[in-house]
């Protein structure tokens, strides 16, 4: 299903997007050496509830997962990259943490992810990988606008990731979003320009470049959810929800602090 949102729905989407962004911004500040992933999940749950929003994850039960997800945020550490199931793990100095959050408020969902290093140690290879996903995300957003095609976004993202030297997995990528979290179209992180669905105002998309340092192969953790690099290498993931407008693409998941 591909949804085209009306102006009223897009106005609600902006509120949801700001909520997601602000929760992630707060959680990043709280995620320090000694923080437990289960604490991050509890904090997320409390902020979602306080905002009168709904988690898109707790009851989420897709074919690639093992039963309902049962938590409020994805927490992926080091070699984990997607669908990181919160568990009893205490963050250490230098850990690479990805937080991925999707919520729904007033019938409209938004989805975003950030990767960052915990503590004072800043491994340059990890910082470079995070930067590559952020630059690829910016390139994908720049390629999105009315009349462009999904392949234009995929090509822009993939060009940045390939130039940075990272293998690209196409099993999981960006997606449409609206009244539900995951919708068509699928947006691979590499592709051919000029191909695929033509973008139109009112379309919402979640773009999410992610990479693993030296492989494109994923393995599923014993928890049935967490996807890890097959080689044990580090990973990074960046994501924004955008809305296609008459003038281009509007990012809906920027924290308030980013507008100051």
Protein backbone atom coordinates (compact mmCIF):
# COMPACT_ATOMS: atom_id res chain seq x y z
CA UNK A 1 0.00 0.00 0.00
CA UNK A 2 1.24 3.49 -0.89
CA UNK A 3 -0.48 6.34 0.96
CA UNK A 4 -0.67 9.96 -0.09
CA UNK A 5 -1.40 12.11 2.95
CA UNK A 6 -3.62 15.19 2.88
CA UNK A 7 -2.52 18.52 4.44
CA UNK A 8 -4.24 17.75 7.76
CA UNK A 9 -2.50 14.40 8.03
CA UNK A 10 0.85 15.95 7.09
CA UNK A 11 0.42 18.51 9.86
CA UNK A 12 -0.05 15.65 12.33
CA UNK A 13 2.98 13.89 10.84
CA UNK A 14 5.14 16.91 11.70
CA UNK A 15 4.08 16.61 15.34
CA UNK A 16 4.85 12.89 15.39
CA UNK A 17 8.19 13.42 13.67
CA UNK A 18 9.24 16.09 16.17
CA UNK A 19 8.28 13.77 19.02
CA UNK A 20 10.42 10.93 17.66
CA UNK A 21 13.35 13.27 17.13
CA UNK A 22 13.14 14.78 20.59
CA UNK A 23 12.91 11.38 22.28
CA UNK A 24 15.99 10.19 20.41
CA UNK A 25 17.84 13.40 21.29
CA UNK A 26 17.03 12.89 24.98
CA UNK A 27 17.98 9.21 24.92
CA UNK A 28 21.30 9.97 23.26
CA UNK A 29 22.14 12.36 26.08
CA UNK A 30 21.25 9.73 28.69
CA UNK A 31 23.13 6.87 26.98
CA UNK A 32 26.45 7.01 28.79
CA UNK A 33 29.00 4.50 30.01
CA UNK A 34 27.20 2.27 32.52
CA UNK A 35 23.72 2.71 31.01
CA UNK A 36 21.78 -0.52 30.55
CA UNK A 37 19.88 -1.07 27.29
CA UNK A 38 16.79 -2.02 29.28
CA UNK A 39 16.90 1.38 30.98
CA UNK A 40 16.89 3.05 27.54
CA UNK A 41 13.83 1.00 26.63
CA UNK A 42 12.06 2.03 29.86
CA UNK A 43 12.88 5.70 29.29
CA UNK A 44 11.52 5.48 25.75
CA UNK A 45 8.33 3.83 26.97
CA UNK A 46 7.77 6.53 29.57
CA UNK A 47 8.27 9.38 27.09
CA UNK A 48 5.98 7.79 24.51
CA UNK A 49 3.26 7.29 27.12
CA UNK A 50 3.66 10.82 28.48
CA UNK A 51 3.21 12.24 24.96
CA UNK A 52 -0.01 10.31 24.42
CA UNK A 53 1.58 8.39 21.56
CA UNK A 54 1.72 4.70 20.68
CA UNK A 55 4.73 2.47 20.11
CA UNK A 56 5.02 1.00 16.62
CA UNK A 57 7.24 -1.79 17.99
CA UNK A 58 5.67 -3.44 21.05
CA UNK A 59 3.11 -5.52 19.12
CA UNK A 60 5.06 -5.57 15.85
CA UNK A 61 5.18 -9.13 14.50
CA UNK A 62 6.56 -9.29 10.91
CA UNK A 63 7.62 -12.46 9.14
CA UNK A 64 11.32 -11.79 9.77
CA UNK A 65 10.98 -11.55 13.58
CA UNK A 66 10.25 -14.10 16.30
CA UNK A 67 6.91 -13.16 17.80
CA UNK A 68 5.94 -9.66 18.92
CA UNK A 69 8.96 -7.37 19.41
CA UNK A 70 7.81 -6.56 22.93
CA UNK A 71 9.93 -3.41 23.44
CA UNK A 72 9.67 0.30 22.66
CA UNK A 73 12.97 1.03 20.87
CA UNK A 74 15.63 -0.82 18.90
CA UNK A 75 19.04 -0.74 20.59
CA UNK A 76 21.86 -2.08 18.39
CA UNK A 77 25.43 -2.19 19.74
CA UNK A 78 28.65 -2.58 17.72
CA UNK A 79 28.11 -5.55 15.34
CA UNK A 80 24.30 -5.31 15.66
CA UNK A 81 22.75 -3.06 13.03
CA UNK A 82 18.98 -3.55 12.72
CA UNK A 83 16.08 -4.57 14.96
CA UNK A 84 18.29 -4.63 18.05
CA UNK A 85 16.21 -6.16 20.83
CA UNK A 86 16.88 -4.39 24.15
CA UNK A 87 18.47 -6.77 26.65
CA UNK A 88 20.54 -6.76 29.83
CA UNK A 89 23.71 -5.15 28.49
CA UNK A 90 25.65 -2.27 30.08
CA UNK A 91 27.22 0.21 27.67
CA UNK A 92 31.01 0.47 27.73
CA UNK A 93 33.35 3.25 26.68
CA UNK A 94 33.72 3.27 22.88
CA UNK A 95 30.60 1.22 22.12
CA UNK A 96 28.86 2.16 18.87
CA UNK A 97 25.16 2.44 19.68
CA UNK A 98 22.26 2.79 17.25
CA UNK A 99 18.85 3.85 18.54
CA UNK A 100 15.93 3.31 16.15
CA UNK A 101 12.49 4.58 17.16
CA UNK A 102 9.06 4.64 15.53
CA UNK A 103 5.89 5.93 17.15
CA UNK A 104 2.38 6.82 16.06
CA UNK A 105 0.41 9.82 17.30
CA UNK A 106 -3.03 10.92 16.15
CA UNK A 107 -3.00 8.21 13.49
CA UNK A 108 0.31 9.08 11.80
CA UNK A 109 3.68 7.33 12.31
CA UNK A 110 7.26 8.58 12.09
CA UNK A 111 10.53 6.65 12.17
CA UNK A 112 14.14 7.72 12.78
CA UNK A 113 17.51 6.25 13.78
CA UNK A 114 20.82 7.65 15.02
CA UNK A 115 24.23 6.06 15.56
CA UNK A 116 26.85 7.44 17.94
CA UNK A 117 29.83 6.49 20.10
CA UNK A 118 29.32 6.13 23.85
CA UNK A 119 31.87 7.63 26.22
CA UNK A 120 35.21 9.29 25.57
CA UNK A 121 36.82 6.78 23.18
CA UNK A 122 36.16 7.75 19.58
CA UNK A 123 37.42 5.05 17.15
CA UNK A 124 38.05 6.85 13.88
CA UNK A 125 36.84 3.94 11.75
CA UNK A 126 33.51 3.99 13.57
CA UNK A 127 33.15 7.76 13.27
CA UNK A 128 33.86 7.51 9.54
CA UNK A 129 31.21 4.83 9.10
CA UNK A 130 28.60 6.87 10.99
CA UNK A 131 29.50 9.92 8.88
CA UNK A 132 29.08 7.90 5.68
CA UNK A 133 25.52 6.90 6.60
CA UNK A 134 24.67 10.49 7.56
CA UNK A 135 26.06 11.83 4.28
CA UNK A 136 24.23 9.13 2.34
CA UNK A 137 21.01 10.08 4.12
CA UNK A 138 21.51 13.74 3.17
CA UNK A 139 22.13 12.72 -0.43
CA UNK A 140 18.98 10.61 -0.51
CA UNK A 141 16.90 13.46 0.88
CA UNK A 142 18.37 15.86 -1.67
CA UNK A 143 17.37 13.47 -4.47
CA UNK A 144 13.75 13.30 -3.26
CA UNK A 145 11.17 15.65 -4.69
CA UNK A 146 8.04 15.68 -6.84
CA UNK A 147 8.70 13.95 -10.14
CA UNK A 148 11.79 12.11 -8.90
CA UNK A 149 11.70 8.34 -8.63
CA UNK A 150 12.58 5.87 -5.90
CA UNK A 151 15.60 4.79 -7.94
CA UNK A 152 16.96 8.33 -7.78
CA UNK A 153 16.98 8.16 -3.97
CA UNK A 154 18.53 4.68 -3.95
CA UNK A 155 21.20 5.73 -6.41
CA UNK A 156 22.10 8.83 -4.39
CA UNK A 157 22.40 6.84 -1.17
CA UNK A 158 24.35 4.01 -2.78
CA UNK A 159 26.78 6.33 -4.51
CA UNK A 160 27.88 7.81 -1.18
CA UNK A 161 28.15 4.46 0.57
CA UNK A 162 30.06 2.84 -2.30
CA UNK A 163 32.44 5.79 -2.59
CA UNK A 164 33.19 5.40 1.11
CA UNK A 165 34.10 1.75 0.49
CA UNK A 166 31.25 -0.04 2.23
CA UNK A 167 29.45 -3.15 0.92
CA UNK A 168 25.70 -2.57 0.53
CA UNK A 169 22.98 -4.98 1.62
CA UNK A 170 19.63 -4.61 -0.20
CA UNK A 171 17.50 -6.94 1.95
CA UNK A 172 16.48 -4.09 4.25
CA UNK A 173 16.20 -0.40 3.47
CA UNK A 174 13.88 2.57 3.54
CA UNK A 175 10.13 2.38 3.16
CA UNK A 176 6.91 4.25 2.85
CA UNK A 177 5.28 5.37 6.06
CA UNK A 178 1.98 6.97 7.03
CA UNK A 179 -0.90 5.54 9.03
CA UNK A 180 1.33 2.50 9.62
CA UNK A 181 5.08 2.21 10.10
CA UNK A 182 6.07 0.02 7.16
CA UNK A 183 4.47 0.56 3.75
CA UNK A 184 5.40 0.41 0.11
CA UNK A 185 7.51 1.48 -1.65
CA UNK A 186 10.70 -0.28 -0.56
CA UNK A 187 13.75 1.98 -0.91
CA UNK A 188 16.94 -0.03 -1.38
CA UNK A 189 20.21 1.59 -0.38
CA UNK A 190 21.54 1.31 -3.90
CA UNK A 191 19.81 1.37 -7.26
CA UNK A 192 19.46 2.82 -10.73
CA UNK A 193 18.27 6.39 -11.25
CA UNK A 194 15.05 6.99 -13.14
CA UNK A 195 13.49 3.72 -12.02
CA UNK A 196 10.59 2.90 -9.71
CA UNK A 197 7.64 4.75 -8.26
CA UNK A 198 7.33 8.45 -9.10
CA UNK A 199 7.26 10.68 -6.03
CA UNK A 200 4.35 13.04 -5.47
CA UNK A 201 3.43 15.62 -2.83
CA UNK A 202 1.87 14.05 0.24
CA UNK A 203 4.04 10.92 0.12
CA UNK A 204 5.97 10.14 3.31
CA UNK A 205 9.14 8.07 3.23
CA UNK A 206 11.58 6.77 5.81
CA UNK A 207 15.09 6.75 4.33
CA UNK A 208 17.64 4.65 6.20
CA UNK A 209 21.18 4.10 4.95
CA UNK A 210 22.95 1.46 7.01
CA UNK A 211 26.23 -0.34 6.49
CA UNK A 212 28.55 -2.94 7.95
CA UNK A 213 32.28 -2.24 7.84
CA UNK A 214 33.45 -5.20 5.75
CA UNK A 215 30.48 -7.34 4.70
CA UNK A 216 27.02 -7.18 3.20
CA UNK A 217 25.91 -10.40 4.91
CA UNK A 218 23.59 -10.39 7.91
CA UNK A 219 23.03 -13.04 10.54
CA UNK A 220 20.10 -13.25 12.96
CA UNK A 221 20.87 -13.29 16.67
CA UNK A 222 19.60 -16.06 18.93
CA UNK A 223 16.93 -13.63 20.19
CA UNK A 224 15.20 -14.01 16.82
CA UNK A 225 15.24 -10.28 16.11
CA UNK A 226 18.64 -8.60 16.24
CA UNK A 227 20.46 -8.55 12.90
CA UNK A 228 24.26 -8.57 13.12
CA UNK A 229 27.17 -8.42 10.69
CA UNK A 230 28.23 -11.91 9.65
CA UNK A 231 31.89 -11.11 10.33
CA UNK A 232 31.41 -9.41 13.69
CA UNK A 233 32.44 -6.04 12.28
CA UNK A 234 30.92 -2.78 13.45
CA UNK A 235 27.87 -1.23 11.83
CA UNK A 236 26.08 2.13 11.56
CA UNK A 237 22.56 3.30 10.68
CA UNK A 238 20.98 6.72 10.08
CA UNK A 239 17.32 7.39 9.32
CA UNK A 240 14.88 10.27 8.82
CA UNK A 241 11.21 10.41 7.92
CA UNK A 242 10.56 12.92 5.14
CA UNK A 243 7.49 14.29 3.39
CA UNK A 244 7.45 15.07 -0.31
CA UNK A 245 6.22 18.62 -0.91
CA UNK A 246 5.76 20.80 -3.96
CA UNK A 247 9.21 22.25 -3.25
CA UNK A 248 11.18 19.09 -2.49
CA UNK A 249 11.54 17.01 0.66
CA UNK A 250 10.86 18.17 4.21
CA UNK A 251 12.61 16.37 7.07
CA UNK A 252 10.06 15.61 9.78
CA UNK A 253 12.36 14.00 12.36
CA UNK A 254 14.72 16.83 13.29
CA UNK A 255 14.96 17.58 17.03
CA UNK A 256 13.89 21.03 18.14
CA UNK A 257 17.50 21.77 19.04
CA UNK A 258 18.47 21.41 15.36
CA UNK A 259 16.25 24.39 14.47
CA UNK A 260 17.90 26.76 16.94
